[in-house]
Amino acid sequence: QVQLVESGGGLVQAGGSLRLSCAASGISIKDYVMNWFRQAPGKQREWVAWTTSGNNIKYLESLEGRFTISRDNAKNTVTLQMNSVKPEDTAVYYCNADLQAVPGYEYWGQGTQVTVSS
């Protein structure tokens, strides 16, 4: 019943841009910390960015300046704008909704593949 559906992934050349979206249903994202994670082949899942319910934004330090996270509570969506992408950005990107009032209670999307070619 609760779904997070990522979209916007695909193949992009190094230096290019890509915009990922996460559409939520069954929850109102205004009540959640929204996160983007990614997992590259053979590597552990890595946190990328978050936007809290109060729209406090934080990025993985190494990515700040290239990626931008934003939320649209009215549309119940969160986006990740990826600019100046690098081959090492290649990964499956996952949307996550974390109910701050209930520690450990969260939802995950199925992920969208981002492949950056050199």
C-alpha atoms as a PDB file:
ATOM      1  CA  GLN A   1       0.000   0.000   0.000  1.00  0.00           C
ATOM      2  CA  VAL A   2       2.897   2.338   0.765  1.00  0.00           C
ATOM      3  CA  GLN A   3       5.027   2.856  -2.302  1.00  0.00           C
ATOM      4  CA  LEU A   4       8.071   4.877  -3.216  1.00  0.00           C
ATOM      5  CA  VAL A   5       8.706   4.819  -6.943  1.00  0.00           C
ATOM      6  CA  GLU A   6      11.951   6.194  -8.312  1.00  0.00           C
ATOM      7  CA  SER A   7      12.272   7.379 -11.886  1.00  0.00           C
ATOM      8  CA  GLY A   8      14.629   9.335 -14.078  1.00  0.00           C
ATOM      9  CA  GLY A   9      17.592   7.000 -14.117  1.00  0.00           C
ATOM     10  CA  GLY A  10      19.396   6.039 -17.253  1.00  0.00           C
ATOM     11  CA  LEU A  11      22.602   6.408 -19.194  1.00  0.00           C
ATOM     12  CA  VAL A  12      24.351   9.760 -19.133  1.00  0.00           C
ATOM     13  CA  GLN A  13      27.789  10.909 -20.219  1.00  0.00           C
ATOM     14  CA  ALA A  14      30.328  12.137 -17.705  1.00  0.00           C
ATOM     15  CA  GLY A  15      29.839  15.835 -17.089  1.00  0.00           C
ATOM     16  CA  GLY A  16      26.164  15.665 -17.898  1.00  0.00           C
ATOM     17  CA  SER A  17      23.088  15.970 -15.734  1.00  0.00           C
ATOM     18  CA  LEU A  18      20.273  13.751 -14.600  1.00  0.00           C
ATOM     19  CA  ARG A  19      17.201  14.394 -12.484  1.00  0.00           C
ATOM     20  CA  LEU A  20      15.830  11.599 -10.333  1.00  0.00           C
ATOM     21  CA  SER A  21      12.342  11.672  -8.884  1.00  0.00           C
ATOM     22  CA  CYS A  22      10.675   9.730  -6.101  1.00  0.00           C
ATOM     23  CA  ALA A  23       6.901   9.602  -6.055  1.00  0.00           C
ATOM     24  CA  ALA A  24       5.334   8.521  -2.782  1.00  0.00           C
ATOM     25  CA  SER A  25       1.922   7.035  -2.196  1.00  0.00           C
ATOM     26  CA  GLY A  26       0.304   5.761   0.966  1.00  0.00           C
ATOM     27  CA  ILE A  27       2.230   8.293   3.057  1.00  0.00           C
ATOM     28  CA  SER A  28       2.550  12.054   3.180  1.00  0.00           C
ATOM     29  CA  ILE A  29       6.205  12.905   2.794  1.00  0.00           C
ATOM     30  CA  LYS A  30       5.760  16.088   4.810  1.00  0.00           C
ATOM     31  CA  ASP A  31       5.889  13.842   7.878  1.00  0.00           C
ATOM     32  CA  TYR A  32       9.111  12.113   6.844  1.00  0.00           C
ATOM     33  CA  VAL A  33      12.788  12.655   6.466  1.00  0.00           C
ATOM     34  CA  MET A  34      13.398  11.855   2.812  1.00  0.00           C
ATOM     35  CA  ASN A  35      16.723  10.342   1.837  1.00  0.00           C
ATOM     36  CA  TRP A  36      18.529   9.310  -1.286  1.00  0.00           C
ATOM     37  CA  PHE A  37      20.912   6.378  -1.074  1.00  0.00           C
ATOM     38  CA  ARG A  38      22.924   4.649  -3.736  1.00  0.00           C
ATOM     39  CA  GLN A  39      24.632   1.316  -4.173  1.00  0.00           C
ATOM     40  CA  ALA A  40      27.361   0.722  -6.710  1.00  0.00           C
ATOM     41  CA  PRO A  41      28.259  -2.786  -7.893  1.00  0.00           C
ATOM     42  CA  GLY A  42      30.256  -4.630  -5.258  1.00  0.00           C
ATOM     43  CA  LYS A  43      29.908  -1.812  -2.740  1.00  0.00           C
ATOM     44  CA  GLN A  44      27.808  -1.132   0.326  1.00  0.00           C
ATOM     45  CA  ARG A  45      24.770   1.079   0.228  1.00  0.00           C
ATOM     46  CA  GLU A  46      25.815   4.692   0.663  1.00  0.00           C
ATOM     47  CA  TRP A  47      23.780   7.612   1.946  1.00  0.00           C
ATOM     48  CA  VAL A  48      23.666  10.525  -0.495  1.00  0.00           C
ATOM     49  CA  ALA A  49      21.427  13.276   0.871  1.00  0.00           C
ATOM     50  CA  TRP A  50      18.397  14.058   2.979  1.00  0.00           C
ATOM     51  CA  THR A  51      15.716  16.647   3.416  1.00  0.00           C
ATOM     52  CA  THR A  52      13.960  16.690   6.780  1.00  0.00           C
ATOM     53  CA  SER A  53      10.313  17.459   7.375  1.00  0.00           C
ATOM     54  CA  GLY A  54      11.456  20.994   8.176  1.00  0.00           C
ATOM     55  CA  ASN A  55      13.418  21.092   4.899  1.00  0.00           C
ATOM     56  CA  ASN A  56      16.792  20.953   6.571  1.00  0.00           C
ATOM     57  CA  ILE A  57      19.097  19.616   3.858  1.00  0.00           C
ATOM     58  CA  LYS A  58      22.311  17.646   4.188  1.00  0.00           C
ATOM     59  CA  TYR A  59      24.606  16.000   1.649  1.00  0.00           C
ATOM     60  CA  LEU A  60      27.389  13.499   1.653  1.00  0.00           C
ATOM     61  CA  GLU A  61      30.297  15.916   1.865  1.00  0.00           C
ATOM     62  CA  SER A  62      32.070  14.561  -1.200  1.00  0.00           C
ATOM     63  CA  LEU A  63      28.976  15.170  -3.334  1.00  0.00           C
ATOM     64  CA  GLU A  64      27.965  18.610  -2.146  1.00  0.00           C
ATOM     65  CA  GLY A  65      28.064  21.130  -4.954  1.00  0.00           C
ATOM     66  CA  ARG A  66      27.085  18.639  -7.643  1.00  0.00           C
ATOM     67  CA  PHE A  67      23.859  17.149  -6.275  1.00  0.00           C
ATOM     68  CA  THR A  68      20.747  18.957  -5.099  1.00  0.00           C
ATOM     69  CA  ILE A  69      17.909  17.367  -3.157  1.00  0.00           C
ATOM     70  CA  SER A  70      14.497  18.988  -2.981  1.00  0.00           C
ATOM     71  CA  ARG A  71      10.988  18.122  -1.867  1.00  0.00           C
ATOM     72  CA  ASP A  72       7.560  19.112  -3.080  1.00  0.00           C
ATOM     73  CA  ASN A  73       5.145  18.196  -0.331  1.00  0.00           C
ATOM     74  CA  ALA A  74       2.135  19.245  -2.400  1.00  0.00           C
ATOM     75  CA  LYS A  75       3.114  16.759  -5.102  1.00  0.00           C
ATOM     76  CA  ASN A  76       4.360  14.229  -2.556  1.00  0.00           C
ATOM     77  CA  THR A  77       7.651  13.897  -4.395  1.00  0.00           C
ATOM     78  CA  VAL A  78      11.342  14.305  -3.734  1.00  0.00           C
ATOM     79  CA  THR A  79      13.978  14.861  -6.386  1.00  0.00           C
ATOM     80  CA  LEU A  80      17.718  14.537  -6.764  1.00  0.00           C
ATOM     81  CA  GLN A  81      19.294  16.799  -9.346  1.00  0.00           C
ATOM     82  CA  MET A  82      22.643  15.361 -10.386  1.00  0.00           C
ATOM     83  CA  ASN A  83      25.012  17.692 -12.188  1.00  0.00           C
ATOM     84  CA  SER A  84      28.558  17.219 -13.437  1.00  0.00           C
ATOM     85  CA  VAL A  85      28.163  13.497 -13.025  1.00  0.00           C
ATOM     86  CA  LYS A  86      31.183  11.232 -12.866  1.00  0.00           C
ATOM     87  CA  PRO A  87      31.619   7.556 -13.707  1.00  0.00           C
ATOM     88  CA  GLU A  88      31.887   6.819  -9.981  1.00  0.00           C
ATOM     89  CA  ASP A  89      28.310   8.060  -9.602  1.00  0.00           C
ATOM     90  CA  THR A  90      27.180   4.915 -11.389  1.00  0.00           C
ATOM     91  CA  ALA A  91      24.880   3.075  -8.996  1.00  0.00           C
ATOM     92  CA  VAL A  92      21.336   2.102  -8.244  1.00  0.00           C
ATOM     93  CA  TYR A  93      19.745   5.080  -6.517  1.00  0.00           C
ATOM     94  CA  TYR A  94      17.136   4.449  -3.838  1.00  0.00           C
ATOM     95  CA  CYS A  95      14.551   6.703  -2.283  1.00  0.00           C
ATOM     96  CA  ASN A  96      13.935   6.308   1.446  1.00  0.00           C
ATOM     97  CA  ALA A  97      11.273   7.738   3.738  1.00  0.00           C
ATOM     98  CA  ASP A  98      12.098   7.744   7.446  1.00  0.00           C
ATOM     99  CA  LEU A  99       9.433   8.530  10.029  1.00  0.00           C
ATOM    100  CA  GLN A 100      11.431  10.614  12.465  1.00  0.00           C
ATOM    101  CA  ALA A 101       8.990  10.094  15.337  1.00  0.00           C
ATOM    102  CA  VAL A 102       9.437   6.323  15.138  1.00  0.00           C
ATOM    103  CA  PRO A 103      13.119   5.365  15.087  1.00  0.00           C
ATOM    104  CA  GLY A 104      13.895   2.614  12.605  1.00  0.00           C
ATOM    105  CA  TYR A 105      10.544   2.891  10.821  1.00  0.00           C
ATOM    106  CA  GLU A 106      11.112   3.522   7.148  1.00  0.00           C
ATOM    107  CA  TYR A 107      10.156   2.722   3.565  1.00  0.00           C
ATOM    108  CA  TRP A 108      12.285   2.044   0.510  1.00  0.00           C
ATOM    109  CA  GLY A 109      11.770   2.286  -3.208  1.00  0.00           C
ATOM    110  CA  GLN A 110      12.906  -0.316  -5.712  1.00  0.00           C
ATOM    111  CA  GLY A 111      15.671   1.875  -7.067  1.00  0.00           C
ATOM    112  CA  THR A 112      16.580   3.383 -10.404  1.00  0.00           C
ATOM    113  CA  GLN A 113      19.790   2.657 -12.276  1.00  0.00           C
ATOM    114  CA  VAL A 114      22.136   5.508 -13.096  1.00  0.00           C
ATOM    115  CA  THR A 115      25.008   4.722 -15.428  1.00  0.00           C
ATOM    116  CA  VAL A 116      27.618   7.362 -16.209  1.00  0.00           C
ATOM    117  CA  SER A 117      29.786   6.713 -19.232  1.00  0.00           C
ATOM    118  CA  SER A 118      33.231   8.186 -19.734  1.00  0.00           C
END
